[in-house]
Amino acid sequence: MSKPAFVSQVSKDIGGLPTWLNQHELQSFILESNPKVQDIIKIVSRSEIFSQNVLSVQIQVKLTDNSTQVLNYLVKSNEQTTSISSTPKFPRPYNFKLELHMYNEVLPALKNLYKNVGKQITFSPDNHSSKGSNHLYLANLQTKGYRTIIQPKGLRKSAMIAILSKLAAYHAATACYLQLTPTHLKAQLKRNLGNETDGEIIQRKTLLQRKFSESLRSNGLQHYEDKVKYYLKNLPGSIDTPDLKRSFNVISIGACWPNNILGSFDAFGEVKDVVFIDFGNSSYRSAAHDLFEILLTVPVEKTENFDAFLRYYHDELLINLKLLKFKGNLPTLTDLQLDLLNYGYEGFQVVMEILPIVLADFESTDIEDPFRTKNYSEEIKNLLPWMENRAYFEVETEPIMLY
């Protein structure tokens, strides 16, 4: 039995089209969306791995004036996610129908909310899919200079500012959008955290938790072993019924880590703009979920700048909520801090399950490798005491009350 690989992001040439996407279907899409196309000359495709699998398709076409043009798309499909079973994934559920709904309905609505107040903003690649299509055809921004923002040692403050600014704008828009839509949308997006039935996901999460626990001794943190084991044993009881009535709730991105973020950079290497790729784990929940995922995986200095980054996010959030005329109580910085405290177990899960994979080599072939890297060793030596001091690393029976 081969060992599962952990891949942060690679491209693998696979030649022609996979069986789930035939040339006739692709040709129909191209002709419908590009009236000047006369014929398809050549197709090259490859698998791209972000937080989920995406098919990158490059199509050379002949136009009606006999000139040629190259079209580039990122294609997503439910068939794709089930057919590439050997490709490693983050231990999170993925719902293609939900992502299809996000790209076809929610994300355009968020963009229009800002357009109505005179602001142009983009949260994701443009969606070129036809209505009713079972596939997502997204603009391949990598051909326009965007690239994954992941860096083994993390990103500096200037990059974090760009990411947090976009995240705050997204969260503000979703909070306003939820006020304008029927209540059934919240039920559709609400994630039942206590009933994940995907055996593969549970198996992967369990394996990562065990490897994390085992790694404590090799990283000189053996004094945490008993506490971690107790924490993991009692963790499921802490997340069965999250109290969403007392949180600032949004439509989370659900995969708010660097493998899911594309950035454009200026001549000096500074991030100018970012977009998010995967929305297949979006749900109605506290903004704390996305905040933990981004703040505990992306920055170089995580604990040192955590409060400053949270304050910046809050400032941007209020600016956008006011711009969009949010109806309701504006969340205070204290509200957000209490949300993070109430959902501290999500921060611990990020450190245990997501951070080691983000920090691992691009093509690690051993499941233990992510937990052996020098970067991860340094991170958890800093993060565990910090999380313990902030009570994020505690088993809570009741959430803290907000008055």
Protein backbone atom coordinates (compact mmCIF):
# COMPACT_ATOMS: atom_id res chain seq x y z
CA MET A 1 0.00 0.00 0.00
CA SER A 2 1.48 3.32 -1.07
CA LYS A 3 1.83 6.15 1.37
CA PRO A 4 -0.51 9.11 0.87
CA ALA A 5 1.15 12.27 -0.37
CA PHE A 6 0.61 15.77 0.94
CA VAL A 7 0.80 18.31 -1.85
CA SER A 8 0.51 22.05 -1.31
CA GLN A 9 0.18 22.94 -4.96
CA VAL A 10 1.54 21.27 -8.07
CA SER A 11 0.55 20.94 -11.71
CA LYS A 12 0.63 17.64 -13.50
CA ASP A 13 0.32 17.41 -17.26
CA ILE A 14 -2.21 14.78 -18.21
CA GLY A 15 -2.53 15.51 -21.93
CA GLY A 16 -6.07 15.40 -23.34
CA LEU A 17 -9.39 15.71 -21.63
CA PRO A 18 -10.43 13.35 -18.82
CA THR A 19 -13.40 11.08 -19.46
CA TRP A 20 -15.77 13.19 -17.37
CA LEU A 21 -15.31 16.18 -19.69
CA ASN A 22 -15.48 15.23 -23.37
CA GLN A 23 -14.52 17.46 -26.27
CA HIS A 24 -18.09 17.75 -27.58
CA GLU A 25 -19.28 19.23 -24.29
CA LEU A 26 -16.33 21.60 -24.12
CA GLN A 27 -16.82 22.65 -27.72
CA SER A 28 -20.46 23.47 -27.05
CA PHE A 29 -19.45 25.64 -24.11
CA ILE A 30 -16.75 27.44 -26.12
CA LEU A 31 -19.08 28.15 -29.05
CA GLU A 32 -21.86 29.42 -26.77
CA SER A 33 -19.60 31.75 -24.81
CA ASN A 34 -17.35 32.86 -27.71
CA PRO A 35 -19.35 33.62 -30.92
CA LYS A 36 -16.18 34.30 -32.93
CA VAL A 37 -14.82 30.78 -32.40
CA GLN A 38 -15.00 28.60 -35.51
CA ASP A 39 -13.16 25.47 -34.40
CA ILE A 40 -11.03 23.97 -31.63
CA ILE A 41 -7.49 23.19 -32.77
CA LYS A 42 -5.81 21.79 -29.67
CA ILE A 43 -6.54 21.12 -26.01
CA VAL A 44 -4.02 20.72 -23.20
CA SER A 45 -5.15 20.00 -19.65
CA ARG A 46 -3.50 19.41 -16.33
CA SER A 47 -4.54 18.90 -12.74
CA GLU A 48 -4.13 21.86 -10.39
CA ILE A 49 -4.31 21.32 -6.65
CA PHE A 50 -5.44 24.14 -4.41
CA SER A 51 -7.48 23.06 -1.38
CA GLN A 52 -9.38 20.88 -3.85
CA ASN A 53 -8.72 19.56 -7.36
CA VAL A 54 -9.18 21.81 -10.38
CA LEU A 55 -8.62 21.01 -14.04
CA SER A 56 -6.64 23.65 -15.89
CA VAL A 57 -7.62 23.64 -19.58
CA GLN A 58 -5.78 25.51 -22.33
CA ILE A 59 -7.65 25.61 -25.63
CA GLN A 60 -6.26 26.84 -28.93
CA VAL A 61 -9.13 27.93 -31.16
CA LYS A 62 -9.60 29.15 -34.70
CA LEU A 63 -11.68 32.31 -35.06
CA THR A 64 -14.03 33.28 -37.88
CA ASP A 65 -11.36 35.58 -39.37
CA ASN A 66 -8.98 32.57 -39.55
CA SER A 67 -6.77 33.91 -36.74
CA THR A 68 -6.02 31.82 -33.65
CA GLN A 69 -6.48 32.49 -29.97
CA VAL A 70 -5.69 30.64 -26.73
CA LEU A 71 -8.43 30.36 -24.10
CA ASN A 72 -7.68 29.35 -20.52
CA TYR A 73 -10.12 28.03 -17.94
CA LEU A 74 -10.16 26.32 -14.58
CA VAL A 75 -12.81 23.60 -14.69
CA LYS A 76 -14.52 22.09 -11.66
CA SER A 77 -16.92 19.18 -11.64
CA ASN A 78 -18.52 16.81 -9.19
CA GLU A 79 -17.30 13.96 -11.39
CA GLN A 80 -13.76 15.26 -11.05
CA THR A 81 -13.78 15.26 -7.25
CA THR A 82 -14.95 11.66 -7.14
CA SER A 83 -12.67 10.35 -9.89
CA ILE A 84 -9.31 11.56 -8.54
CA SER A 85 -9.44 9.58 -5.34
CA SER A 86 -5.67 9.17 -5.10
CA THR A 87 -5.06 12.92 -4.89
CA PRO A 88 -4.47 14.10 -1.30
CA LYS A 89 -6.97 16.53 0.17
CA PHE A 90 -7.27 18.59 3.27
CA PRO A 91 -9.45 16.84 5.87
CA ARG A 92 -12.55 18.88 5.13
CA PRO A 93 -15.88 17.97 3.49
CA TYR A 94 -16.43 19.29 -0.02
CA ASN A 95 -19.84 19.85 -1.62
CA PHE A 96 -19.70 20.64 -5.35
CA LYS A 97 -23.41 21.52 -5.51
CA LEU A 98 -22.84 24.08 -2.78
CA GLU A 99 -19.85 25.52 -4.64
CA LEU A 100 -21.93 25.66 -7.81
CA HIS A 101 -24.56 27.61 -5.88
CA MET A 102 -21.93 29.96 -4.47
CA TYR A 103 -20.46 30.74 -7.90
CA ASN A 104 -23.79 30.97 -9.73
CA GLU A 105 -25.86 32.80 -7.14
CA VAL A 106 -24.09 34.10 -4.04
CA LEU A 107 -20.78 35.49 -5.35
CA PRO A 108 -22.42 37.52 -8.17
CA ALA A 109 -24.91 38.89 -5.63
CA LEU A 110 -22.07 39.98 -3.32
CA LYS A 111 -20.36 41.71 -6.23
CA ASN A 112 -23.60 43.53 -7.06
CA LEU A 113 -24.02 44.71 -3.48
CA TYR A 114 -20.77 46.64 -3.81
CA LYS A 115 -21.55 47.75 -7.35
CA ASN A 116 -24.77 49.33 -6.05
CA VAL A 117 -22.73 51.53 -3.69
CA GLY A 118 -20.13 52.44 -6.33
CA LYS A 119 -17.38 49.98 -5.43
CA GLN A 120 -15.83 47.42 -7.79
CA ILE A 121 -14.59 44.31 -6.03
CA THR A 122 -13.94 40.68 -6.98
CA PHE A 123 -13.82 37.78 -4.56
CA SER A 124 -13.21 34.90 -6.97
CA PRO A 125 -12.28 34.13 -10.60
CA ASP A 126 -15.00 35.09 -13.09
CA ASN A 127 -17.50 32.32 -13.70
CA HIS A 128 -18.17 31.65 -17.40
CA SER A 129 -20.48 28.65 -16.88
CA SER A 130 -23.79 28.48 -18.68
CA LYS A 131 -26.92 28.43 -16.53
CA GLY A 132 -27.81 24.86 -15.68
CA SER A 133 -24.33 23.50 -16.38
CA ASN A 134 -23.00 20.72 -14.16
CA HIS A 135 -19.48 22.10 -14.49
CA LEU A 136 -17.83 25.33 -13.40
CA TYR A 137 -15.76 27.11 -16.04
CA LEU A 138 -13.70 29.73 -14.24
CA ALA A 139 -11.23 32.28 -15.59
CA ASN A 140 -7.67 31.02 -15.14
CA LEU A 141 -6.13 34.02 -13.41
CA GLN A 142 -2.75 32.32 -13.33
CA THR A 143 -2.40 33.25 -17.00
CA LYS A 144 -2.84 36.89 -15.94
CA GLY A 145 -0.06 36.86 -13.38
CA TYR A 146 -1.93 35.58 -10.32
CA ARG A 147 -0.28 32.82 -8.33
CA THR A 148 -0.78 31.02 -5.06
CA ILE A 149 0.36 33.17 -2.17
CA ILE A 150 1.76 30.25 -0.19
CA GLN A 151 5.25 30.77 1.19
CA PRO A 152 6.93 28.16 3.40
CA LYS A 153 7.82 30.74 6.05
CA GLY A 154 4.59 32.70 5.77
CA LEU A 155 3.66 36.16 4.51
CA ARG A 156 4.67 39.56 5.81
CA LYS A 157 2.38 42.28 7.13
CA SER A 158 1.80 44.00 3.77
CA ALA A 159 0.46 40.79 2.23
CA MET A 160 -1.73 40.11 5.25
CA ILE A 161 -3.24 43.57 4.96
CA ALA A 162 -4.38 42.80 1.40
CA ILE A 163 -5.83 39.42 2.41
CA LEU A 164 -7.62 40.67 5.54
CA SER A 165 -9.03 43.63 3.65
CA LYS A 166 -10.59 41.30 1.06
CA LEU A 167 -11.80 38.86 3.73
CA ALA A 168 -13.47 41.65 5.71
CA ALA A 169 -15.18 42.92 2.54
CA TYR A 170 -16.40 39.40 1.77
CA HIS A 171 -17.70 38.78 5.29
CA ALA A 172 -19.48 42.15 5.36
CA ALA A 173 -21.19 41.45 2.04
CA THR A 174 -22.32 37.99 3.12
CA ALA A 175 -23.74 39.36 6.38
CA CYS A 176 -25.77 41.88 4.37
CA TYR A 177 -26.73 39.27 1.80
CA LEU A 178 -28.11 36.99 4.51
CA GLN A 179 -30.36 39.83 5.64
CA LEU A 180 -31.80 40.15 2.13
CA THR A 181 -32.44 36.46 1.41
CA PRO A 182 -35.06 34.00 2.69
CA THR A 183 -34.30 32.25 5.94
CA HIS A 184 -34.04 28.88 4.19
CA LEU A 185 -30.62 29.94 2.85
CA LYS A 186 -29.22 29.85 6.37
CA ALA A 187 -30.51 26.32 6.78
CA GLN A 188 -28.98 25.36 3.45
CA LEU A 189 -25.59 26.73 4.45
CA LYS A 190 -25.65 25.66 8.08
CA ARG A 191 -23.16 22.88 8.60
CA ASN A 192 -24.08 20.02 10.92
CA LEU A 193 -20.72 19.75 12.63
CA GLY A 194 -21.68 16.73 14.70
CA ASN A 195 -22.67 14.46 11.80
CA GLU A 196 -19.84 14.30 9.29
CA THR A 197 -20.33 10.87 7.76
CA ASP A 198 -17.59 10.87 5.15
CA GLY A 199 -15.45 7.97 6.30
CA GLU A 200 -12.42 9.14 4.33
CA ILE A 201 -12.55 12.57 5.99
CA ILE A 202 -12.90 11.11 9.45
CA GLN A 203 -10.05 8.70 8.77
CA ARG A 204 -7.76 11.49 7.54
CA LYS A 205 -8.60 13.75 10.48
CA THR A 206 -8.02 10.92 12.95
CA LEU A 207 -4.68 10.11 11.35
CA LEU A 208 -3.54 13.74 11.45
CA GLN A 209 -4.59 14.04 15.09
CA ARG A 210 -2.61 10.94 16.00
CA LYS A 211 0.48 12.13 14.14
CA PHE A 212 0.20 15.50 15.83
CA SER A 213 0.00 13.89 19.25
CA GLU A 214 2.99 11.67 18.44
CA SER A 215 5.01 14.63 17.18
CA LEU A 216 4.87 16.46 20.51
CA ARG A 217 7.63 14.34 22.02
CA SER A 218 9.99 14.77 19.06
CA ASN A 219 9.43 18.53 19.26
CA GLY A 220 10.21 18.76 22.97
CA LEU A 221 6.57 19.26 23.92
CA GLN A 222 5.97 15.96 25.68
CA HIS A 223 4.49 17.81 28.65
CA TYR A 224 1.48 18.56 26.40
CA GLU A 225 0.84 14.92 25.46
CA ASP A 226 -1.68 14.11 28.21
CA LYS A 227 -3.52 17.39 27.80
CA VAL A 228 -3.75 16.96 24.02
CA LYS A 229 -5.07 13.41 24.38
CA TYR A 230 -7.68 14.57 26.90
CA TYR A 231 -8.59 17.53 24.70
CA LEU A 232 -9.04 15.37 21.60
CA LYS A 233 -11.08 12.84 23.53
CA ASN A 234 -13.49 15.54 24.71
CA LEU A 235 -13.40 17.71 21.59
CA PRO A 236 -16.38 16.13 19.76
CA GLY A 237 -18.69 17.05 22.63
CA SER A 238 -17.63 20.68 22.28
CA ILE A 239 -18.71 21.09 18.66
CA ASP A 240 -21.97 19.19 18.33
CA THR A 241 -24.16 22.26 18.82
CA PRO A 242 -22.29 25.52 18.18
CA ASP A 243 -24.26 28.53 19.41
CA LEU A 244 -24.68 30.74 16.35
CA LYS A 245 -27.17 33.07 18.00
CA ARG A 246 -24.45 34.90 19.91
CA SER A 247 -21.85 35.24 17.18
CA PHE A 248 -21.23 37.56 14.26
CA ASN A 249 -22.23 35.15 11.51
CA VAL A 250 -21.30 35.14 7.84
CA ILE A 251 -21.09 32.78 4.89
CA SER A 252 -17.65 31.43 5.58
CA ILE A 253 -15.19 30.67 2.83
CA GLY A 254 -14.52 27.42 4.62
CA ALA A 255 -11.01 27.00 3.23
CA CYS A 256 -9.36 30.25 4.24
CA TRP A 257 -5.76 29.12 4.05
CA PRO A 258 -3.00 29.99 1.52
CA ASN A 259 -3.64 27.03 -0.81
CA ASN A 260 -7.02 28.57 -1.58
CA ILE A 261 -5.79 32.11 -2.29
CA LEU A 262 -4.45 33.53 -5.53
CA GLY A 263 -2.65 36.87 -5.41
CA SER A 264 -1.44 39.41 -7.91
CA PHE A 265 1.88 41.04 -7.15
CA ASP A 266 3.54 44.34 -8.06
CA ALA A 267 7.09 44.79 -9.35
CA PHE A 268 8.43 44.73 -5.79
CA GLY A 269 6.72 41.45 -4.92
CA GLU A 270 4.01 43.04 -2.77
CA VAL A 271 0.49 41.60 -2.93
CA LYS A 272 -1.90 43.94 -4.74
CA ASP A 273 -5.05 41.86 -4.76
CA VAL A 274 -6.27 38.41 -3.77
CA VAL A 275 -9.12 36.11 -4.77
CA PHE A 276 -10.39 32.87 -3.27
CA ILE A 277 -10.78 29.71 -5.36
CA ASP A 278 -12.71 27.06 -3.39
CA PHE A 279 -16.13 27.55 -1.81
CA GLY A 280 -17.19 23.91 -1.49
CA ASN A 281 -17.06 24.05 2.30
CA SER A 282 -18.82 27.38 2.74
CA SER A 283 -21.41 27.50 5.49
CA TYR A 284 -23.41 29.77 7.76
CA ARG A 285 -21.29 30.18 10.86
CA SER A 286 -19.18 32.53 12.94
CA ALA A 287 -16.55 34.64 11.19
CA ALA A 288 -14.14 33.16 13.73
CA HIS A 289 -13.78 30.07 11.52
CA ASP A 290 -12.19 31.94 8.61
CA LEU A 291 -10.21 34.18 10.96
CA PHE A 292 -8.54 31.26 12.69
CA GLU A 293 -7.74 29.60 9.37
CA ILE A 294 -6.10 32.67 7.88
CA LEU A 295 -4.37 34.05 10.98
CA LEU A 296 -2.88 30.72 12.08
CA THR A 297 -1.57 29.63 8.67
CA VAL A 298 -0.55 32.67 6.62
CA PRO A 299 1.45 35.26 8.64
CA VAL A 300 5.16 34.93 9.39
CA GLU A 301 4.66 36.24 12.92
CA LYS A 302 1.41 34.61 14.00
CA THR A 303 1.17 35.22 17.73
CA GLU A 304 3.04 38.54 17.75
CA ASN A 305 0.70 40.19 15.23
CA PHE A 306 -2.51 38.27 15.92
CA ASP A 307 -4.25 41.06 17.83
CA ALA A 308 -3.08 43.76 15.43
CA PHE A 309 -4.35 41.76 12.44
CA LEU A 310 -7.67 41.12 14.19
CA ARG A 311 -8.01 44.85 14.90
CA TYR A 312 -7.27 45.70 11.27
CA TYR A 313 -9.83 43.14 10.07
CA HIS A 314 -12.41 44.62 12.45
CA ASP A 315 -11.76 48.17 11.21
CA GLU A 316 -12.19 47.02 7.59
CA LEU A 317 -15.29 45.02 8.48
CA LEU A 318 -17.00 48.06 10.00
CA ILE A 319 -16.10 50.22 7.00
CA ASN A 320 -17.71 47.75 4.64
CA LEU A 321 -20.75 47.03 6.80
CA LYS A 322 -21.48 50.76 6.97
CA LEU A 323 -20.89 51.15 3.24
CA LEU A 324 -23.39 48.39 2.52
CA LYS A 325 -25.86 49.79 5.08
CA PHE A 326 -25.90 46.69 7.27
CA LYS A 327 -29.06 46.57 9.37
CA GLY A 328 -28.26 45.40 12.84
CA ASN A 329 -25.76 45.81 15.64
CA LEU A 330 -22.26 46.31 14.36
CA PRO A 331 -19.87 43.79 15.95
CA THR A 332 -17.35 45.31 18.33
CA LEU A 333 -13.75 44.20 18.56
CA THR A 334 -14.66 42.60 21.89
CA ASP A 335 -17.46 40.66 20.18
CA LEU A 336 -14.95 39.18 17.74
CA GLN A 337 -12.49 38.37 20.50
CA LEU A 338 -15.22 36.53 22.41
CA ASP A 339 -16.23 34.65 19.27
CA LEU A 340 -12.64 33.47 18.88
CA LEU A 341 -12.64 32.39 22.52
CA ASN A 342 -15.94 30.51 22.17
CA TYR A 343 -14.70 28.74 19.04
CA GLY A 344 -11.12 28.29 20.19
CA TYR A 345 -11.26 24.59 19.31
CA GLU A 346 -11.40 25.59 15.64
CA GLY A 347 -8.07 27.37 16.04
CA PHE A 348 -6.59 24.25 17.63
CA GLN A 349 -7.85 22.13 14.73
CA VAL A 350 -6.20 24.49 12.25
CA VAL A 351 -2.84 24.14 14.02
CA MET A 352 -3.20 20.37 14.22
CA GLU A 353 -4.68 19.52 10.80
CA ILE A 354 -4.09 22.37 8.35
CA LEU A 355 -0.88 24.15 9.37
CA PRO A 356 1.45 21.11 9.03
CA ILE A 357 0.25 20.49 5.47
CA VAL A 358 0.58 24.17 4.54
CA LEU A 359 4.14 24.23 5.84
CA ALA A 360 5.16 20.88 4.30
CA ASP A 361 7.27 20.46 1.18
CA PHE A 362 5.29 20.63 -2.05
CA GLU A 363 5.60 16.91 -2.78
CA SER A 364 5.98 15.21 0.57
CA THR A 365 5.55 11.45 0.16
CA ASP A 366 5.24 10.41 3.78
CA ILE A 367 2.33 11.28 6.02
CA GLU A 368 4.72 11.95 8.91
CA ASP A 369 6.75 14.51 6.95
CA PRO A 370 4.48 17.52 7.62
CA PHE A 371 4.93 17.01 11.36
CA ARG A 372 8.72 16.67 11.10
CA THR A 373 9.52 19.91 9.31
CA LYS A 374 11.62 22.49 11.11
CA ASN A 375 9.05 25.17 10.32
CA TYR A 376 6.20 23.25 11.94
CA SER A 377 8.32 22.39 14.98
CA GLU A 378 9.08 26.06 15.53
CA GLU A 379 5.45 27.03 15.00
CA ILE A 380 3.87 24.65 17.50
CA LYS A 381 6.50 25.42 20.14
CA ASN A 382 5.24 28.98 19.94
CA LEU A 383 1.56 28.38 19.23
CA LEU A 384 0.62 25.79 21.86
CA PRO A 385 1.65 27.86 24.93
CA TRP A 386 0.09 30.94 23.31
CA MET A 387 -3.20 29.15 22.65
CA GLU A 388 -3.20 27.75 26.16
CA ASN A 389 -2.68 31.21 27.67
CA ARG A 390 -5.57 32.58 25.63
CA ALA A 391 -7.86 29.66 26.58
CA TYR A 392 -8.21 28.55 22.94
CA PHE A 393 -6.79 25.21 23.98
CA GLU A 394 -9.52 24.34 26.50
CA VAL A 395 -12.58 22.10 26.54
CA GLU A 396 -15.58 24.34 27.13
CA THR A 397 -18.98 22.97 28.07
CA GLU A 398 -20.87 26.24 27.63
CA PRO A 399 -20.05 29.22 25.36
CA ILE A 400 -19.32 32.57 26.93
CA MET A 401 -22.41 34.80 27.04
CA LEU A 402 -22.51 38.02 25.03
CA TYR A 403 -24.70 40.75 26.50
